Amino acid sequence: MKLSRLCEKAGMACPEGGDASVTGFAIDNRKVAPGTVFGAFRGSVSNGEDYIPAAIEAGAIAVVARPEAKVDGALHIAADEPRKAFALLAAQFFTPVPDHIVAVTGTNGKTSTVEMTRQIWRMAGERAASIGTLGVTTPDESVSTGLTTPDIVTFLSNMSGLAREGVTHVAYEASSHGLWQSRNEGVPVEAAAFTNFSRDHLDYHKDMEDYFAAKMRLFDEVASDGATAVVWLDGSDWNARVVEHARARGLSVMTVGETGDDIRLVKREPTQLGQSLTVEHAGAQRTINLPLIGAYQISNALVAAGLALATGIDAGRVWDGVARLQPVRGRLERAVIAPSGAPVYIDYAHTPDAIKAAIAALRPHVTGRLITVFGAGGDRDHGKRAPMGEAAAKASDVVIVTDDNPRGEDPADIRRAVLEGAKGAREIAGRRDAICAAIGEAGPDDIVLVAGKGHELGQIIGSGENMKVLPFDDVEVARECAAALARGDA
């Protein structure tokens, strides 16, 4: 397609000489081929403008960059917000896209909510996919891993590829980083959901208001005009502020929760394998047996139900789907039953609120002790480490602090910071040793929670050129520890 035509469709002015044919888009100069439009953005670590000459030498016909950037030998598409301009331009190239696209933001619960939405759509007979922390999950359940919000070129390419494969419904995670960096612009978003909000990523955002503002881009700018905002209303004042943003934008608002107007949780009771919910929707009450444990799983499931309803799925099919939801990888996933009879759960919780929620989810099922194993990631928000320790120590009977992904920091320093909040906790440096110790001491009435890494398949050691990713899967390690105990090897 001609560059001038792409600019016209994106509502942008095209520089003189824009009759060249565009063959692709790239933000990495090493992926530039003749006919590519290159996006040059200034980042916190590197400056994409430094690579403009290399991109032009490789064949870039146009560069999207700040007006001040130096572009010689290619067309300069100047924009004060080059990331956003590049995304809107690229969106005209990567077509078609699925007919129904929804996005989910919030601190915790994004992965579960998009995956549950995908499941409900699939059970309603739609060809559905999800994009997020777990990667791209397609209608045949195959998964390719990736970032929570991939770069804009990968994101748009994935969307177009799914549409060409016949996918009609896609749910994606909208992280604060992705929203702030315009990594998911350009596609029509029919419904946008908000789960919850608590401290995280303050190594990137300057404060909570800055972090919240990044989340609000989903409702203020990214969601399509007339889209539906599905908001979990219980929790904090932040959630009420989301409703204000959505209404100010003119979006339809669907509130969910115990105080929700559209989907109201009337009652919940834990059962042996899940929980029984009484839900009111469209003037009628119904009882749903949700086959998942934990209060936060209820919020994820009901927000997912709201997204399915917002995309036109029949209510009967939606609620039938909720009753058949399957656990999401690494989200309160039961990995194994220890030789003692104690179940071992794996969860991705890596913030104070998420740890608190995971423990609260398991507590009704514990008649003995709740043993929690966790650590904190290196090169990330230092301020959340002691509060994570405090959250675990307050709600658990036994706490073991271990390593997570230390990255470029000394693991001992990270553990020390966590232990400042985890009074009475034990320290076991090696994550495998810590998991085995917890399973080994668990009695028949106990439950073991291994938190922090969830679905991850590796442990990140070092940073930069010295970074290594060692194979490490909490689920597999827990199973190996339990098997060794059963054999008497541990």
Protein backbone atom coordinates (compact mmCIF):
# COMPACT_ATOMS: atom_id res chain seq x y z
CA MET A 1 0.00 0.00 0.00
CA LYS A 2 1.20 3.52 -0.75
CA LEU A 3 2.49 5.55 2.20
CA SER A 4 0.23 8.45 1.22
CA ARG A 5 -2.81 6.17 1.42
CA LEU A 6 -1.79 4.89 4.86
CA CYS A 7 -1.37 8.46 6.11
CA GLU A 8 -4.77 9.41 4.71
CA LYS A 9 -6.49 6.48 6.43
CA ALA A 10 -4.72 7.34 9.69
CA GLY A 11 -5.82 10.99 9.44
CA MET A 12 -2.23 12.20 9.24
CA ALA A 13 -0.46 14.58 6.90
CA CYS A 14 1.96 12.80 4.58
CA PRO A 15 5.29 14.42 3.64
CA GLU A 16 5.79 15.32 -0.01
CA GLY A 17 6.96 12.30 -1.97
CA GLY A 18 4.84 9.75 -0.14
CA ASP A 19 4.02 7.67 -3.23
CA ALA A 20 6.42 4.88 -2.30
CA SER A 21 4.98 1.46 -1.50
CA VAL A 22 5.22 0.31 2.10
CA THR A 23 6.35 -3.28 2.70
CA GLY A 24 6.34 -3.31 6.49
CA PHE A 25 6.88 -1.54 9.80
CA ALA A 26 9.70 -1.89 12.34
CA ILE A 27 10.95 -0.33 15.56
CA ASP A 28 14.17 -2.37 15.50
CA ASN A 29 16.59 -1.21 12.81
CA ARG A 30 17.82 -4.81 12.45
CA LYS A 31 14.37 -5.78 11.16
CA VAL A 32 14.22 -3.07 8.52
CA ALA A 33 13.95 -4.15 4.88
CA PRO A 34 13.48 -2.06 1.72
CA GLY A 35 10.12 -0.32 1.89
CA THR A 36 9.86 -0.34 5.71
CA VAL A 37 8.50 2.50 7.84
CA PHE A 38 10.80 2.85 10.85
CA GLY A 39 9.67 4.10 14.26
CA ALA A 40 12.39 5.97 16.17
CA PHE A 41 11.44 6.60 19.80
CA ARG A 42 13.35 7.92 22.77
CA GLY A 43 13.29 5.39 25.63
CA SER A 44 14.50 5.21 29.21
CA VAL A 45 17.40 2.93 28.26
CA SER A 46 18.17 3.71 24.61
CA ASN A 47 17.25 6.32 22.02
CA GLY A 48 15.77 4.96 18.81
CA GLU A 49 16.75 8.15 17.02
CA ASP A 50 20.37 6.98 17.21
CA TYR A 51 19.48 4.14 14.83
CA ILE A 52 17.81 6.24 12.13
CA PRO A 53 20.88 6.24 9.80
CA ALA A 54 21.19 2.44 10.07
CA ALA A 55 17.47 2.00 9.35
CA ILE A 56 17.68 4.24 6.28
CA GLU A 57 20.76 2.39 5.06
CA ALA A 58 18.80 -0.88 5.39
CA GLY A 59 16.01 0.48 3.19
CA ALA A 60 13.58 2.42 5.36
CA ILE A 61 11.53 4.77 3.16
CA ALA A 62 10.09 6.80 6.04
CA VAL A 63 10.86 7.48 9.69
CA VAL A 64 8.31 8.39 12.34
CA ALA A 65 10.08 10.51 14.94
CA ARG A 66 9.99 13.77 16.87
CA PRO A 67 10.12 16.97 14.78
CA GLU A 68 13.59 17.64 16.24
CA ALA A 69 15.00 14.29 15.04
CA LYS A 70 17.50 14.32 12.17
CA VAL A 71 16.29 12.28 9.18
CA ASP A 72 18.40 12.33 6.01
CA GLY A 73 17.63 10.05 3.06
CA ALA A 74 14.05 9.13 3.93
CA LEU A 75 10.74 10.84 4.53
CA HIS A 76 10.34 12.29 7.99
CA ILE A 77 6.88 11.83 9.47
CA ALA A 78 7.21 14.28 12.34
CA ALA A 79 4.99 13.88 15.40
CA ASP A 80 5.05 15.24 18.93
CA GLU A 81 3.91 11.77 20.08
CA PRO A 82 5.81 9.55 17.63
CA ARG A 83 4.86 6.27 19.34
CA LYS A 84 1.16 7.02 18.94
CA ALA A 85 1.55 8.29 15.38
CA PHE A 86 3.53 5.19 14.40
CA ALA A 87 0.88 2.92 15.95
CA LEU A 88 -2.00 4.63 14.15
CA LEU A 89 -0.12 4.47 10.85
CA ALA A 90 0.86 0.81 11.30
CA ALA A 91 -2.74 -0.10 12.16
CA GLN A 92 -3.77 0.86 8.63
CA PHE A 93 -1.22 -1.60 7.23
CA PHE A 94 -1.95 -4.61 9.44
CA THR A 95 -5.47 -5.50 8.32
CA PRO A 96 -7.94 -7.09 8.73
CA VAL A 97 -8.41 -7.44 12.49
CA PRO A 98 -10.97 -9.50 14.44
CA ASP A 99 -14.50 -8.10 14.64
CA HIS A 100 -14.67 -8.12 18.44
CA ILE A 101 -11.68 -6.90 20.48
CA VAL A 102 -11.70 -6.24 24.23
CA ALA A 103 -8.92 -5.08 26.55
CA VAL A 104 -8.31 -5.57 30.27
CA THR A 105 -6.21 -3.40 32.57
CA GLY A 106 -5.59 -3.27 36.32
CA THR A 107 -2.78 -4.27 38.65
CA ASN A 108 -3.79 -7.89 39.20
CA GLY A 109 -6.12 -10.26 37.39
CA LYS A 110 -5.48 -9.21 33.79
CA THR A 111 -4.16 -12.58 32.65
CA SER A 112 -6.96 -14.57 34.27
CA THR A 113 -9.65 -12.22 33.01
CA VAL A 114 -8.57 -12.28 29.35
CA GLU A 115 -8.15 -16.05 29.44
CA MET A 116 -11.56 -16.52 31.08
CA THR A 117 -13.13 -14.23 28.50
CA ARG A 118 -11.57 -16.36 25.77
CA GLN A 119 -12.93 -19.51 27.40
CA ILE A 120 -16.48 -18.09 27.66
CA TRP A 121 -16.42 -17.02 24.01
CA ARG A 122 -15.13 -20.44 22.96
CA MET A 123 -17.82 -22.24 24.93
CA ALA A 124 -20.39 -19.98 23.26
CA GLY A 125 -19.20 -21.24 19.87
CA GLU A 126 -16.97 -18.33 18.83
CA ARG A 127 -13.45 -18.58 17.41
CA ALA A 128 -11.59 -16.72 20.13
CA ALA A 129 -8.04 -15.92 21.20
CA SER A 130 -6.24 -14.02 23.95
CA ILE A 131 -3.01 -12.02 24.05
CA GLY A 132 -1.08 -11.33 27.24
CA THR A 133 1.41 -12.57 29.79
CA LEU A 134 0.81 -16.19 28.78
CA GLY A 135 1.40 -15.27 25.13
CA VAL A 136 -1.07 -15.72 22.29
CA THR A 137 -3.62 -18.43 23.00
CA THR A 138 -5.45 -19.49 19.85
CA PRO A 139 -8.76 -21.33 19.32
CA ASP A 140 -6.99 -24.70 19.29
CA GLU A 141 -5.48 -23.88 22.73
CA SER A 142 -1.93 -23.54 21.39
CA VAL A 143 0.17 -20.90 23.12
CA SER A 144 3.18 -18.85 22.03
CA THR A 145 4.84 -16.92 24.82
CA GLY A 146 5.56 -13.20 24.90
CA LEU A 147 5.42 -9.99 26.88
CA THR A 148 2.22 -8.90 28.64
CA THR A 149 1.83 -6.24 25.97
CA PRO A 150 4.13 -6.96 22.99
CA ASP A 151 5.65 -4.18 20.89
CA ILE A 152 3.18 -2.43 18.60
CA VAL A 153 4.37 -4.17 15.42
CA THR A 154 4.08 -7.62 16.98
CA PHE A 155 0.72 -6.72 18.54
CA LEU A 156 -0.81 -5.52 15.27
CA SER A 157 0.75 -8.37 13.30
CA ASN A 158 -0.72 -10.87 15.78
CA MET A 159 -4.14 -9.27 15.50
CA SER A 160 -4.10 -9.37 11.72
CA GLY A 161 -2.76 -12.91 11.67
CA LEU A 162 -5.51 -14.11 13.99
CA ALA A 163 -8.17 -12.48 11.83
CA ARG A 164 -6.77 -14.18 8.73
CA GLU A 165 -7.03 -17.49 10.58
CA GLY A 166 -10.73 -16.87 11.14
CA VAL A 167 -10.56 -15.61 14.73
CA THR A 168 -13.45 -13.22 15.41
CA HIS A 169 -12.99 -12.48 19.14
CA VAL A 170 -9.78 -11.38 20.91
CA ALA A 171 -9.18 -10.32 24.52
CA TYR A 172 -5.82 -8.71 25.34
CA GLU A 173 -4.03 -7.45 28.43
CA ALA A 174 -3.35 -3.72 28.48
CA SER A 175 -0.42 -3.16 30.84
CA SER A 176 0.52 0.27 32.15
CA HIS A 177 3.81 0.10 30.23
CA GLY A 178 2.01 -0.86 27.04
CA LEU A 179 -0.59 1.86 27.41
CA TRP A 180 2.00 4.54 28.26
CA GLN A 181 4.12 3.54 25.27
CA SER A 182 1.18 3.27 22.82
CA ARG A 183 1.84 -0.42 22.24
CA ASN A 184 -1.82 -1.30 21.66
CA GLU A 185 -3.24 1.56 19.64
CA GLY A 186 -5.11 1.49 16.39
CA VAL A 187 -7.51 -1.43 16.71
CA PRO A 188 -11.21 -0.93 17.54
CA VAL A 189 -11.74 -1.81 21.22
CA GLU A 190 -15.39 -2.76 21.76
CA ALA A 191 -15.13 -3.13 25.54
CA ALA A 192 -12.49 -2.23 28.14
CA ALA A 193 -12.30 -3.72 31.62
CA PHE A 194 -10.70 -2.66 34.90
CA THR A 195 -9.95 -5.23 37.62
CA ASN A 196 -8.23 -3.52 40.57
CA PHE A 197 -5.45 -1.12 41.46
CA SER A 198 -2.61 -1.32 43.97
CA ARG A 199 1.10 -0.60 44.21
CA ASP A 200 3.28 -1.99 41.42
CA HIS A 201 5.75 -0.80 38.77
CA LEU A 202 6.85 2.27 40.72
CA ASP A 203 10.31 1.56 39.36
CA TYR A 204 8.84 2.82 36.06
CA HIS A 205 6.06 5.21 37.05
CA LYS A 206 7.00 8.12 39.29
CA ASP A 207 4.07 7.63 41.71
CA MET A 208 0.62 6.04 42.05
CA GLU A 209 -1.11 8.88 40.22
CA ASP A 210 1.27 8.52 37.29
CA TYR A 211 0.68 4.75 37.30
CA PHE A 212 -3.10 5.28 37.39
CA ALA A 213 -2.93 7.83 34.57
CA ALA A 214 -1.23 5.21 32.40
CA LYS A 215 -4.06 2.76 33.10
CA MET A 216 -6.66 5.40 32.29
CA ARG A 217 -5.38 5.81 28.74
CA LEU A 218 -7.39 2.65 27.98
CA PHE A 219 -10.63 4.47 28.80
CA ASP A 220 -9.62 8.03 27.89
CA GLU A 221 -8.11 7.32 24.47
CA VAL A 222 -7.71 3.69 23.40
CA ALA A 223 -11.27 2.35 23.74
CA SER A 224 -13.47 3.08 20.73
CA ASP A 225 -16.13 5.77 20.89
CA GLY A 226 -19.27 4.23 22.38
CA ALA A 227 -17.40 1.25 23.82
CA THR A 228 -18.44 -0.41 27.09
CA ALA A 229 -16.36 -0.03 30.25
CA VAL A 230 -16.67 -3.09 32.51
CA VAL A 231 -15.49 -2.10 35.99
CA TRP A 232 -15.15 -4.22 39.11
CA LEU A 233 -16.59 -1.74 41.58
CA ASP A 234 -15.63 -3.19 44.96
CA GLY A 235 -12.24 -2.54 46.43
CA SER A 236 -10.99 1.04 46.48
CA ASP A 237 -11.72 4.60 45.45
CA TRP A 238 -9.52 4.05 42.41
CA ASN A 239 -12.23 1.85 40.89
CA ALA A 240 -14.84 4.55 41.33
CA ARG A 241 -12.50 6.98 39.59
CA VAL A 242 -12.37 4.60 36.61
CA VAL A 243 -16.14 4.92 36.29
CA GLU A 244 -15.76 8.70 36.30
CA HIS A 245 -13.20 8.52 33.48
CA ALA A 246 -15.41 6.21 31.42
CA ARG A 247 -18.48 8.39 31.83
CA ALA A 248 -16.53 11.55 31.04
CA ARG A 249 -15.47 9.91 27.79
CA GLY A 250 -19.09 8.96 27.00
CA LEU A 251 -18.57 5.21 27.29
CA SER A 252 -21.31 2.86 28.41
CA VAL A 253 -20.56 1.66 31.94
CA MET A 254 -21.17 -1.83 33.31
CA THR A 255 -20.34 -2.14 37.01
CA VAL A 256 -19.65 -5.52 38.59
CA GLY A 257 -19.31 -6.73 42.18
CA GLU A 258 -21.17 -6.78 45.47
CA THR A 259 -22.09 -3.15 44.87
CA GLY A 260 -22.34 -3.50 41.09
CA ASP A 261 -25.40 -2.19 39.28
CA ASP A 262 -25.22 -4.52 36.27
CA ILE A 263 -23.73 -7.75 37.58
CA ARG A 264 -24.20 -8.01 41.34
CA LEU A 265 -22.61 -10.67 43.49
CA VAL A 266 -25.34 -11.44 46.02
CA LYS A 267 -23.77 -14.36 47.87
CA ARG A 268 -20.83 -16.72 47.73
CA GLU A 269 -20.05 -19.91 49.61
CA PRO A 270 -16.87 -22.00 49.36
CA THR A 271 -17.32 -25.60 48.26
CA GLN A 272 -14.89 -28.52 48.19
CA LEU A 273 -13.79 -27.83 44.61
CA GLY A 274 -14.74 -24.20 44.16
CA GLN A 275 -17.52 -21.87 45.27
CA SER A 276 -21.22 -21.38 44.85
CA LEU A 277 -22.22 -17.91 43.62
CA THR A 278 -25.56 -16.16 43.61
CA VAL A 279 -25.47 -13.52 40.91
CA GLU A 280 -28.07 -10.94 39.89
CA HIS A 281 -28.11 -9.78 36.28
CA ALA A 282 -30.85 -8.18 34.18
CA GLY A 283 -33.32 -8.42 37.05
CA ALA A 284 -32.90 -12.15 37.63
CA GLN A 285 -30.89 -14.10 40.18
CA ARG A 286 -29.10 -17.32 39.36
CA THR A 287 -26.83 -19.72 41.22
CA ILE A 288 -23.54 -20.62 39.56
CA ASN A 289 -21.10 -23.26 40.74
CA LEU A 290 -17.74 -21.70 39.88
CA PRO A 291 -15.10 -24.47 39.73
CA LEU A 292 -12.34 -22.15 41.02
CA ILE A 293 -11.34 -21.15 44.54
CA GLY A 294 -10.71 -17.64 45.83
CA ALA A 295 -12.54 -14.33 46.04
CA TYR A 296 -10.36 -12.75 43.39
CA GLN A 297 -11.23 -15.57 40.99
CA ILE A 298 -14.84 -14.49 41.38
CA SER A 299 -14.00 -10.93 40.37
CA ASN A 300 -12.01 -12.16 37.36
CA ALA A 301 -14.81 -14.49 36.27
CA LEU A 302 -17.56 -11.90 36.64
CA VAL A 303 -15.58 -9.21 34.81
CA ALA A 304 -14.95 -11.75 32.03
CA ALA A 305 -18.70 -12.44 31.97
CA GLY A 306 -19.29 -8.69 31.61
CA LEU A 307 -16.92 -8.52 28.64
CA ALA A 308 -18.67 -11.45 26.98
CA LEU A 309 -22.06 -9.80 27.51
CA ALA A 310 -20.70 -6.49 26.15
CA THR A 311 -19.70 -8.26 22.93
CA GLY A 312 -23.20 -9.62 22.36
CA ILE A 313 -22.99 -13.14 23.76
CA ASP A 314 -26.34 -14.46 25.00
CA ALA A 315 -26.62 -14.27 28.81
CA GLY A 316 -27.57 -17.94 29.14
CA ARG A 317 -24.44 -18.99 27.27
CA VAL A 318 -22.30 -16.60 29.30
CA TRP A 319 -23.39 -17.94 32.68
CA ASP A 320 -23.16 -21.53 31.46
CA GLY A 321 -19.59 -20.75 30.42
CA VAL A 322 -18.73 -19.24 33.81
CA ALA A 323 -19.79 -22.50 35.46
CA ARG A 324 -17.33 -24.41 33.25
CA LEU A 325 -14.26 -22.18 33.51
CA GLN A 326 -10.91 -23.94 33.81
CA PRO A 327 -7.99 -22.71 35.96
CA VAL A 328 -5.50 -20.40 34.29
CA ARG A 329 -1.86 -21.50 34.17
CA GLY A 330 0.01 -20.33 37.24
CA ARG A 331 -3.03 -18.68 38.84
CA LEU A 332 -3.87 -20.68 41.97
CA GLU A 333 -2.92 -23.73 39.96
CA ARG A 334 -2.87 -26.92 42.03
CA ALA A 335 0.45 -28.47 41.07
CA VAL A 336 0.50 -31.62 43.16
CA ILE A 337 -0.74 -33.34 46.30
CA ALA A 338 2.15 -33.93 48.70
CA PRO A 339 2.72 -37.43 50.10
CA SER A 340 1.22 -36.12 53.35
CA GLY A 341 -1.98 -35.21 51.52
CA ALA A 342 -1.34 -31.45 51.51
CA PRO A 343 -2.22 -29.71 48.23
CA VAL A 344 0.43 -27.41 46.71
CA TYR A 345 -0.75 -24.33 44.81
CA ILE A 346 1.27 -22.15 42.44
CA ASP A 347 0.34 -18.49 41.96
CA TYR A 348 1.80 -15.51 40.11
CA ALA A 349 1.22 -13.15 43.06
CA HIS A 350 4.12 -10.67 43.18
CA THR A 351 2.60 -7.60 44.83
CA PRO A 352 1.43 -7.12 48.44
CA ASP A 353 -2.24 -7.11 47.42
CA ALA A 354 -1.86 -10.15 45.18
CA ILE A 355 -0.16 -12.14 47.93
CA LYS A 356 -2.89 -11.14 50.36
CA ALA A 357 -5.56 -12.17 47.84
CA ALA A 358 -3.95 -15.54 47.07
CA ILE A 359 -3.68 -16.40 50.75
CA ALA A 360 -7.25 -15.24 51.39
CA ALA A 361 -8.40 -17.49 48.54
CA LEU A 362 -6.83 -20.55 50.15
CA ARG A 363 -7.64 -19.78 53.79
CA PRO A 364 -11.24 -21.14 53.79
CA HIS A 365 -9.88 -24.49 52.60
CA VAL A 366 -7.22 -24.81 55.33
CA THR A 367 -7.89 -26.75 58.52
CA GLY A 368 -4.22 -26.91 59.50
CA ARG A 369 -1.49 -24.46 58.51
CA LEU A 370 -1.03 -22.32 55.43
CA ILE A 371 2.64 -22.40 54.39
CA THR A 372 3.71 -19.63 51.99
CA VAL A 373 6.91 -19.66 49.94
CA PHE A 374 7.80 -16.52 47.98
CA GLY A 375 10.45 -13.95 47.07
CA ALA A 376 10.70 -10.64 45.22
CA GLY A 377 12.10 -9.84 41.80
CA GLY A 378 15.35 -7.94 41.36
CA ASP A 379 15.70 -4.66 39.43
CA ARG A 380 12.07 -3.86 40.19
CA ASP A 381 10.19 -1.64 42.67
CA HIS A 382 12.19 -1.91 45.92
CA GLY A 383 9.44 -0.27 47.96
CA LYS A 384 7.02 -3.19 47.66
CA ARG A 385 9.38 -5.81 49.14
CA ALA A 386 8.81 -5.24 52.86
CA PRO A 387 5.01 -4.82 52.34
CA MET A 388 5.01 -8.15 50.47
CA GLY A 389 6.72 -9.75 53.44
CA GLU A 390 4.26 -8.13 55.83
CA ALA A 391 1.26 -9.32 53.80
CA ALA A 392 2.54 -12.90 53.79
CA ALA A 393 3.50 -12.93 57.48
CA LYS A 394 0.16 -11.52 58.66
CA ALA A 395 -1.97 -14.04 56.77
CA SER A 396 0.15 -17.21 56.73
CA ASP A 397 1.01 -19.64 59.50
CA VAL A 398 4.48 -20.38 58.12
CA VAL A 399 6.46 -18.14 55.76
CA ILE A 400 9.61 -19.08 53.86
CA VAL A 401 11.36 -16.24 52.02
CA THR A 402 13.43 -17.35 49.06
CA ASP A 403 14.70 -16.14 45.69
CA ASP A 404 12.47 -15.11 42.79
CA ASN A 405 14.14 -13.61 39.69
CA PRO A 406 17.13 -11.78 41.23
CA ARG A 407 18.22 -10.34 37.87
CA GLY A 408 21.10 -7.91 38.43
CA GLU A 409 20.81 -7.65 42.22
CA ASP A 410 22.38 -9.66 45.03
CA PRO A 411 19.67 -12.20 46.00
CA ALA A 412 20.62 -11.88 49.67
CA ASP A 413 19.89 -8.14 49.58
CA ILE A 414 16.44 -8.78 48.10
CA ARG A 415 15.61 -11.42 50.71
CA ARG A 416 16.80 -9.10 53.47
CA ALA A 417 14.42 -6.37 52.27
CA VAL A 418 11.49 -8.80 52.19
CA LEU A 419 12.35 -10.16 55.65
CA GLU A 420 12.15 -6.65 57.11
CA GLY A 421 8.38 -6.94 56.73
CA ALA A 422 8.07 -10.69 57.25
CA LYS A 423 8.59 -10.96 60.99
CA GLY A 424 9.15 -14.55 62.10
CA ALA A 425 9.73 -15.82 58.56
CA ARG A 426 12.45 -18.31 57.65
CA GLU A 427 15.02 -17.69 54.92
CA ILE A 428 16.01 -20.39 52.43
CA ALA A 429 18.06 -19.02 49.56
CA GLY A 430 17.58 -21.63 46.83
CA ARG A 431 14.03 -21.61 45.44
CA ARG A 432 14.02 -25.37 44.84
CA ASP A 433 15.27 -25.99 48.40
CA ALA A 434 12.58 -23.68 49.77
CA ILE A 435 9.78 -25.39 47.85
CA CYS A 436 10.99 -28.84 48.89
CA ALA A 437 11.27 -27.76 52.52
CA ALA A 438 7.71 -26.42 52.55
CA ILE A 439 6.28 -29.56 50.97
CA GLY A 440 8.34 -31.75 53.28
CA GLU A 441 6.99 -30.19 56.45
CA ALA A 442 3.37 -29.90 55.30
CA GLY A 443 0.93 -32.07 57.18
CA PRO A 444 -2.32 -33.64 55.89
CA ASP A 445 -4.42 -30.62 56.89
CA ASP A 446 -1.97 -28.02 55.57
CA ILE A 447 -1.84 -26.15 52.26
CA VAL A 448 1.35 -24.93 50.56
CA LEU A 449 1.32 -21.75 48.46
CA VAL A 450 4.31 -21.04 46.20
CA ALA A 451 3.93 -17.45 45.02
CA GLY A 452 5.66 -15.08 42.65
CA LYS A 453 6.57 -16.84 39.41
CA GLY A 454 3.35 -18.60 38.45
CA HIS A 455 3.48 -19.67 34.79
CA GLU A 456 7.12 -18.67 34.25
CA LEU A 457 9.43 -21.38 32.96
CA GLY A 458 12.76 -19.79 33.88
CA GLN A 459 14.63 -17.97 36.62
CA ILE A 460 16.39 -14.78 35.55
CA ILE A 461 19.93 -14.40 36.93
CA GLY A 462 22.09 -11.36 36.12
CA SER A 463 21.34 -8.47 33.78
CA GLY A 464 22.51 -7.06 30.46
CA GLU A 465 25.15 -9.16 28.72
CA ASN A 466 25.51 -11.30 31.86
CA MET A 467 21.83 -12.25 32.04
CA LYS A 468 21.00 -15.95 32.09
CA VAL A 469 17.59 -17.61 32.19
CA LEU A 470 17.85 -20.91 34.02
CA PRO A 471 15.06 -23.47 33.45
CA PHE A 472 12.73 -23.30 36.44
CA ASP A 473 9.02 -24.13 36.56
CA ASP A 474 7.43 -23.90 40.02
CA VAL A 475 4.81 -26.50 39.03
CA GLU A 476 7.40 -29.03 37.85
CA VAL A 477 9.70 -28.35 40.80
CA ALA A 478 6.82 -28.90 43.24
CA ARG A 479 5.99 -32.21 41.54
CA GLU A 480 9.63 -33.29 41.60
CA CYS A 481 9.92 -32.44 45.31
CA ALA A 482 6.74 -34.37 46.12
CA ALA A 483 7.95 -37.36 44.11
CA ALA A 484 11.31 -37.34 45.88
CA LEU A 485 9.55 -37.27 49.25
CA ALA A 486 7.33 -40.18 48.23
CA ARG A 487 10.44 -42.18 47.28
CA GLY A 488 12.18 -41.20 50.49
CA ASP A 489 14.92 -39.37 48.59
CA ALA A 490 14.33 -35.99 50.24
